[in-house]
Amino acid sequence: MLLDGLAPYLPAQPCLFEEPQIRFADLHRRAYEDRVRRALVSRASHPLTHLYLRQGELTALLHLLEYAESSTPSALNRLLTADLGARAGQPPEAADTHKSAFQEAHHRRQAF
């Protein structure tokens, strides 16, 4: 009944999932990805922000992004992690190493 009441607010595209929990999780993920994409669109009028982080705080942020990538692989997440890693002085191939590790972990997880 609740789902029927919310139907006018759902996107027009067909539902990919029948389970309400899975459908909600997918819509939740897409909503946040849209927010991230909109925030990342750089405009000349946006000022640069000088954000000082301790190395541990940056490392924690990168670990959090890695965790998000391991649970829900996303090209946007990989690119953001690579960008932040490059700004932190990690070599560019570090992102490829992380991606390979995630892919291997994902394959192993599916094998069980």
N, C-alpha and C. Protein backbone atom coordinates (compact mmCIF):
# COMPACT_ATOMS: atom_id res chain seq x y z
N MET A 1 0.82 -1.18 0.00
CA MET A 1 0.00 0.00 0.00
C MET A 1 0.87 1.26 0.00
N LEU A 2 1.92 1.25 0.81
CA LEU A 2 2.84 2.38 0.87
C LEU A 2 3.50 2.60 -0.48
N LEU A 3 3.97 1.51 -1.10
CA LEU A 3 4.62 1.61 -2.40
C LEU A 3 3.66 2.18 -3.44
N ASP A 4 2.41 1.76 -3.42
CA ASP A 4 1.42 2.29 -4.35
C ASP A 4 1.21 3.79 -4.11
N GLY A 5 1.21 4.20 -2.86
CA GLY A 5 1.05 5.61 -2.54
C GLY A 5 2.22 6.46 -3.00
N LEU A 6 3.40 5.87 -3.02
CA LEU A 6 4.60 6.60 -3.45
C LEU A 6 4.84 6.49 -4.95
N ALA A 7 4.08 5.67 -5.63
CA ALA A 7 4.29 5.43 -7.07
C ALA A 7 4.40 6.71 -7.90
N PRO A 8 3.60 7.75 -7.66
CA PRO A 8 3.74 8.96 -8.48
C PRO A 8 5.10 9.64 -8.35
N TYR A 9 5.83 9.35 -7.28
CA TYR A 9 7.12 10.00 -7.05
C TYR A 9 8.30 9.17 -7.54
N LEU A 10 8.05 7.96 -8.00
CA LEU A 10 9.12 7.09 -8.48
C LEU A 10 9.49 7.47 -9.90
N PRO A 11 10.74 7.20 -10.31
CA PRO A 11 11.14 7.51 -11.69
C PRO A 11 10.30 6.73 -12.69
N ALA A 12 10.22 7.27 -13.91
CA ALA A 12 9.39 6.68 -14.94
C ALA A 12 9.98 5.38 -15.51
N GLN A 13 11.26 5.14 -15.30
CA GLN A 13 11.88 3.93 -15.87
C GLN A 13 11.34 2.69 -15.19
N PRO A 14 11.37 1.56 -15.87
CA PRO A 14 10.84 0.33 -15.28
C PRO A 14 11.68 -0.12 -14.08
N CYS A 15 11.04 -0.80 -13.17
CA CYS A 15 11.72 -1.30 -11.97
C CYS A 15 12.63 -2.46 -12.35
N LEU A 16 13.84 -2.40 -11.86
CA LEU A 16 14.78 -3.48 -12.11
C LEU A 16 14.70 -4.56 -11.04
N PHE A 17 14.15 -4.21 -9.90
CA PHE A 17 14.13 -5.13 -8.77
C PHE A 17 12.71 -5.25 -8.23
N GLU A 18 12.34 -6.44 -7.87
CA GLU A 18 11.02 -6.66 -7.31
C GLU A 18 11.01 -6.50 -5.79
N GLU A 19 12.13 -6.83 -5.17
CA GLU A 19 12.21 -6.73 -3.72
C GLU A 19 12.26 -5.26 -3.30
N PRO A 20 11.37 -4.81 -2.42
CA PRO A 20 11.37 -3.40 -2.01
C PRO A 20 12.69 -2.94 -1.40
N GLN A 21 13.34 -3.81 -0.60
CA GLN A 21 14.61 -3.41 0.04
C GLN A 21 15.69 -3.18 -1.01
N ILE A 22 15.74 -4.07 -2.00
CA ILE A 22 16.75 -3.92 -3.05
C ILE A 22 16.45 -2.69 -3.89
N ARG A 23 15.18 -2.49 -4.21
CA ARG A 23 14.79 -1.31 -4.98
C ARG A 23 15.15 -0.03 -4.23
N PHE A 24 14.86 0.02 -2.93
CA PHE A 24 15.20 1.19 -2.13
C PHE A 24 16.70 1.42 -2.10
N ALA A 25 17.48 0.35 -1.91
CA ALA A 25 18.94 0.48 -1.87
C ALA A 25 19.47 1.01 -3.20
N ASP A 26 18.91 0.55 -4.31
CA ASP A 26 19.34 1.03 -5.62
C ASP A 26 18.99 2.50 -5.81
N LEU A 27 17.78 2.90 -5.45
CA LEU A 27 17.39 4.31 -5.56
C LEU A 27 18.22 5.19 -4.63
N HIS A 28 18.52 4.68 -3.46
CA HIS A 28 19.35 5.41 -2.49
C HIS A 28 20.75 5.65 -3.06
N ARG A 29 21.34 4.59 -3.61
CA ARG A 29 22.67 4.69 -4.22
C ARG A 29 22.66 5.69 -5.37
N ARG A 30 21.66 5.59 -6.24
CA ARG A 30 21.60 6.50 -7.39
C ARG A 30 21.41 7.95 -6.96
N ALA A 31 20.63 8.18 -5.92
CA ALA A 31 20.43 9.54 -5.43
C ALA A 31 21.75 10.15 -4.96
N TYR A 32 22.53 9.36 -4.23
CA TYR A 32 23.82 9.87 -3.76
C TYR A 32 24.81 10.04 -4.91
N GLU A 33 24.80 9.13 -5.88
CA GLU A 33 25.69 9.30 -7.04
C GLU A 33 25.34 10.58 -7.80
N ASP A 34 24.05 10.87 -7.93
CA ASP A 34 23.63 12.11 -8.60
C ASP A 34 24.11 13.33 -7.82
N ARG A 35 24.00 13.28 -6.50
CA ARG A 35 24.48 14.39 -5.67
C ARG A 35 25.98 14.60 -5.84
N VAL A 36 26.73 13.50 -5.87
CA VAL A 36 28.18 13.59 -6.03
C VAL A 36 28.52 14.16 -7.40
N ARG A 37 27.86 13.69 -8.45
CA ARG A 37 28.13 14.20 -9.79
C ARG A 37 27.86 15.69 -9.88
N ARG A 38 26.72 16.12 -9.33
CA ARG A 38 26.40 17.55 -9.37
C ARG A 38 27.43 18.37 -8.60
N ALA A 39 27.88 17.85 -7.47
CA ALA A 39 28.87 18.58 -6.66
C ALA A 39 30.22 18.65 -7.35
N LEU A 40 30.56 17.63 -8.14
CA LEU A 40 31.87 17.59 -8.78
C LEU A 40 31.96 18.44 -10.05
N VAL A 41 30.82 18.84 -10.58
CA VAL A 41 30.85 19.68 -11.78
C VAL A 41 31.45 21.02 -11.37
N SER A 42 32.65 21.26 -11.89
CA SER A 42 33.38 22.47 -11.49
C SER A 42 32.98 23.64 -12.36
N ARG A 43 32.69 24.73 -11.73
CA ARG A 43 32.38 25.97 -12.45
C ARG A 43 33.45 26.99 -12.09
N ALA A 44 33.74 27.86 -13.02
CA ALA A 44 34.76 28.89 -12.78
C ALA A 44 34.38 29.77 -11.59
N SER A 45 33.09 29.94 -11.36
CA SER A 45 32.65 30.80 -10.27
C SER A 45 32.82 30.16 -8.89
N HIS A 46 33.02 28.84 -8.88
CA HIS A 46 33.23 28.17 -7.59
C HIS A 46 34.64 28.47 -7.09
N PRO A 47 34.76 28.99 -5.89
CA PRO A 47 36.11 29.28 -5.37
C PRO A 47 36.84 28.00 -5.00
N LEU A 48 38.16 28.05 -5.05
CA LEU A 48 38.96 26.94 -4.56
C LEU A 48 38.90 26.93 -3.04
N THR A 49 38.85 25.76 -2.48
CA THR A 49 38.81 25.62 -1.03
C THR A 49 40.12 25.03 -0.58
N HIS A 50 40.72 25.66 0.38
CA HIS A 50 41.96 25.13 0.95
C HIS A 50 41.59 24.37 2.22
N LEU A 51 41.60 23.07 2.10
CA LEU A 51 41.21 22.21 3.20
C LEU A 51 42.44 21.49 3.70
N TYR A 52 42.77 21.75 4.94
CA TYR A 52 43.94 21.10 5.51
C TYR A 52 43.50 19.85 6.24
N LEU A 53 44.10 18.74 5.87
CA LEU A 53 43.82 17.46 6.50
C LEU A 53 45.11 16.86 7.04
N ARG A 54 45.00 16.21 8.15
CA ARG A 54 46.13 15.43 8.62
C ARG A 54 46.24 14.22 7.71
N GLN A 55 47.42 13.66 7.59
CA GLN A 55 47.63 12.51 6.73
C GLN A 55 46.69 11.36 7.11
N GLY A 56 46.50 11.18 8.41
CA GLY A 56 45.60 10.12 8.87
C GLY A 56 44.16 10.35 8.44
N GLU A 57 43.72 11.61 8.44
CA GLU A 57 42.36 11.92 8.00
C GLU A 57 42.18 11.63 6.51
N LEU A 58 43.17 11.99 5.71
CA LEU A 58 43.11 11.71 4.28
C LEU A 58 43.13 10.20 4.04
N THR A 59 43.98 9.51 4.77
CA THR A 59 44.05 8.05 4.63
C THR A 59 42.70 7.43 5.02
N ALA A 60 42.09 7.92 6.08
CA ALA A 60 40.78 7.41 6.49
C ALA A 60 39.73 7.65 5.40
N LEU A 61 39.75 8.81 4.78
CA LEU A 61 38.82 9.11 3.69
C LEU A 61 39.04 8.17 2.52
N LEU A 62 40.30 7.93 2.16
CA LEU A 62 40.59 7.00 1.07
C LEU A 62 40.16 5.57 1.42
N HIS A 63 40.34 5.17 2.68
CA HIS A 63 39.87 3.84 3.10
C HIS A 63 38.35 3.75 3.01
N LEU A 64 37.66 4.84 3.39
CA LEU A 64 36.21 4.85 3.31
C LEU A 64 35.74 4.73 1.86
N LEU A 65 36.42 5.41 0.95
CA LEU A 65 36.08 5.30 -0.47
C LEU A 65 36.38 3.88 -0.98
N GLU A 66 37.47 3.30 -0.52
CA GLU A 66 37.79 1.92 -0.90
C GLU A 66 36.71 0.96 -0.41
N TYR A 67 36.25 1.18 0.81
CA TYR A 67 35.18 0.34 1.36
C TYR A 67 33.91 0.47 0.51
N ALA A 68 33.56 1.70 0.17
CA ALA A 68 32.38 1.91 -0.68
C ALA A 68 32.55 1.21 -2.01
N GLU A 69 33.74 1.26 -2.57
CA GLU A 69 34.02 0.61 -3.85
C GLU A 69 33.91 -0.91 -3.71
N SER A 70 34.35 -1.44 -2.59
CA SER A 70 34.30 -2.90 -2.42
C SER A 70 32.87 -3.40 -2.24
N SER A 71 32.01 -2.59 -1.64
CA SER A 71 30.64 -3.05 -1.43
C SER A 71 29.75 -2.76 -2.62
N THR A 72 30.00 -1.64 -3.33
CA THR A 72 29.22 -1.29 -4.51
C THR A 72 30.16 -0.68 -5.54
N PRO A 73 30.74 -1.49 -6.40
CA PRO A 73 31.69 -0.96 -7.39
C PRO A 73 31.07 0.15 -8.23
N SER A 74 31.84 1.22 -8.43
CA SER A 74 31.35 2.37 -9.17
C SER A 74 32.53 3.07 -9.85
N ALA A 75 32.36 3.36 -11.13
CA ALA A 75 33.41 4.08 -11.85
C ALA A 75 33.64 5.45 -11.23
N LEU A 76 32.57 6.10 -10.80
CA LEU A 76 32.69 7.42 -10.18
C LEU A 76 33.53 7.34 -8.91
N ASN A 77 33.30 6.34 -8.11
CA ASN A 77 34.05 6.16 -6.87
C ASN A 77 35.52 5.90 -7.17
N ARG A 78 35.80 5.04 -8.16
CA ARG A 78 37.20 4.76 -8.52
C ARG A 78 37.91 6.03 -8.98
N LEU A 79 37.22 6.83 -9.80
CA LEU A 79 37.84 8.06 -10.31
C LEU A 79 38.09 9.06 -9.19
N LEU A 80 37.13 9.19 -8.28
CA LEU A 80 37.31 10.11 -7.16
C LEU A 80 38.44 9.65 -6.26
N THR A 81 38.53 8.35 -6.00
CA THR A 81 39.62 7.81 -5.19
C THR A 81 40.96 8.05 -5.87
N ALA A 82 41.02 7.83 -7.18
CA ALA A 82 42.26 8.05 -7.93
C ALA A 82 42.67 9.52 -7.88
N ASP A 83 41.69 10.41 -8.02
CA ASP A 83 41.98 11.84 -8.00
C ASP A 83 42.52 12.27 -6.64
N LEU A 84 41.85 11.85 -5.57
CA LEU A 84 42.32 12.22 -4.23
C LEU A 84 43.67 11.59 -3.93
N GLY A 85 43.86 10.35 -4.37
CA GLY A 85 45.15 9.70 -4.17
C GLY A 85 46.26 10.43 -4.89
N ALA A 86 46.00 10.87 -6.12
CA ALA A 86 47.01 11.61 -6.88
C ALA A 86 47.34 12.93 -6.21
N ARG A 87 46.33 13.59 -5.70
CA ARG A 87 46.58 14.87 -5.00
C ARG A 87 47.36 14.65 -3.71
N ALA A 88 47.23 13.45 -3.15
CA ALA A 88 47.94 13.13 -1.91
C ALA A 88 49.36 12.65 -2.19
N GLY A 89 49.73 12.58 -3.46
CA GLY A 89 51.07 12.19 -3.80
C GLY A 89 51.25 10.72 -4.08
N GLN A 90 50.16 9.96 -4.15
CA GLN A 90 50.28 8.55 -4.51
C GLN A 90 50.50 8.46 -6.01
N PRO A 91 51.27 7.49 -6.47
CA PRO A 91 51.48 7.36 -7.91
C PRO A 91 50.17 7.01 -8.61
N PRO A 92 50.00 7.46 -9.86
CA PRO A 92 48.74 7.20 -10.58
C PRO A 92 48.39 5.72 -10.69
N GLU A 93 49.39 4.85 -10.75
CA GLU A 93 49.09 3.43 -10.88
C GLU A 93 48.52 2.84 -9.59
N ALA A 94 48.54 3.60 -8.50
CA ALA A 94 47.95 3.11 -7.25
C ALA A 94 46.46 2.84 -7.44
N ALA A 95 45.79 3.68 -8.21
CA ALA A 95 44.35 3.48 -8.46
C ALA A 95 44.12 2.18 -9.22
N ASP A 96 45.00 1.87 -10.18
CA ASP A 96 44.86 0.61 -10.93
C ASP A 96 45.10 -0.59 -10.02
N THR A 97 46.05 -0.44 -9.09
CA THR A 97 46.32 -1.52 -8.14
C THR A 97 45.09 -1.77 -7.27
N HIS A 98 44.49 -0.69 -6.78
CA HIS A 98 43.29 -0.82 -5.96
C HIS A 98 42.16 -1.46 -6.77
N LYS A 99 41.99 -1.03 -8.01
CA LYS A 99 40.92 -1.57 -8.85
C LYS A 99 41.13 -3.06 -9.07
N SER A 100 42.36 -3.46 -9.35
CA SER A 100 42.65 -4.89 -9.55
C SER A 100 42.36 -5.69 -8.28
N ALA A 101 42.73 -5.14 -7.15
CA ALA A 101 42.47 -5.82 -5.87
C ALA A 101 40.98 -5.96 -5.63
N PHE A 102 40.22 -4.92 -5.92
CA PHE A 102 38.77 -4.99 -5.74
C PHE A 102 38.14 -6.02 -6.66
N GLN A 103 38.60 -6.05 -7.91
CA GLN A 103 38.06 -7.01 -8.87
C GLN A 103 38.35 -8.43 -8.41
N GLU A 104 39.55 -8.67 -7.95
CA GLU A 104 39.93 -10.00 -7.46
C GLU A 104 39.08 -10.38 -6.25
N ALA A 105 38.91 -9.45 -5.32
CA ALA A 105 38.10 -9.72 -4.13
C ALA A 105 36.66 -10.00 -4.53
N HIS A 106 36.15 -9.26 -5.49
CA HIS A 106 34.78 -9.45 -5.95
C HIS A 106 34.60 -10.84 -6.57
N HIS A 107 35.56 -11.25 -7.40
CA HIS A 107 35.49 -12.58 -8.00
C HIS A 107 35.55 -13.68 -6.95
N ARG A 108 36.40 -13.50 -5.95
CA ARG A 108 36.52 -14.50 -4.89
C ARG A 108 35.24 -14.55 -4.06
N ARG A 109 34.65 -13.38 -3.82
CA ARG A 109 33.43 -13.32 -3.02
C ARG A 109 32.31 -14.06 -3.75
N GLN A 110 32.23 -13.90 -5.07
CA GLN A 110 31.20 -14.59 -5.86
C GLN A 110 31.44 -16.08 -5.92
N ALA A 111 32.69 -16.51 -5.82
CA ALA A 111 33.03 -17.93 -5.91
C ALA A 111 32.51 -18.69 -4.68
N PHE A 112 32.38 -17.97 -3.55
CA PHE A 112 31.90 -18.64 -2.32
C PHE A 112 30.44 -18.70 -2.37
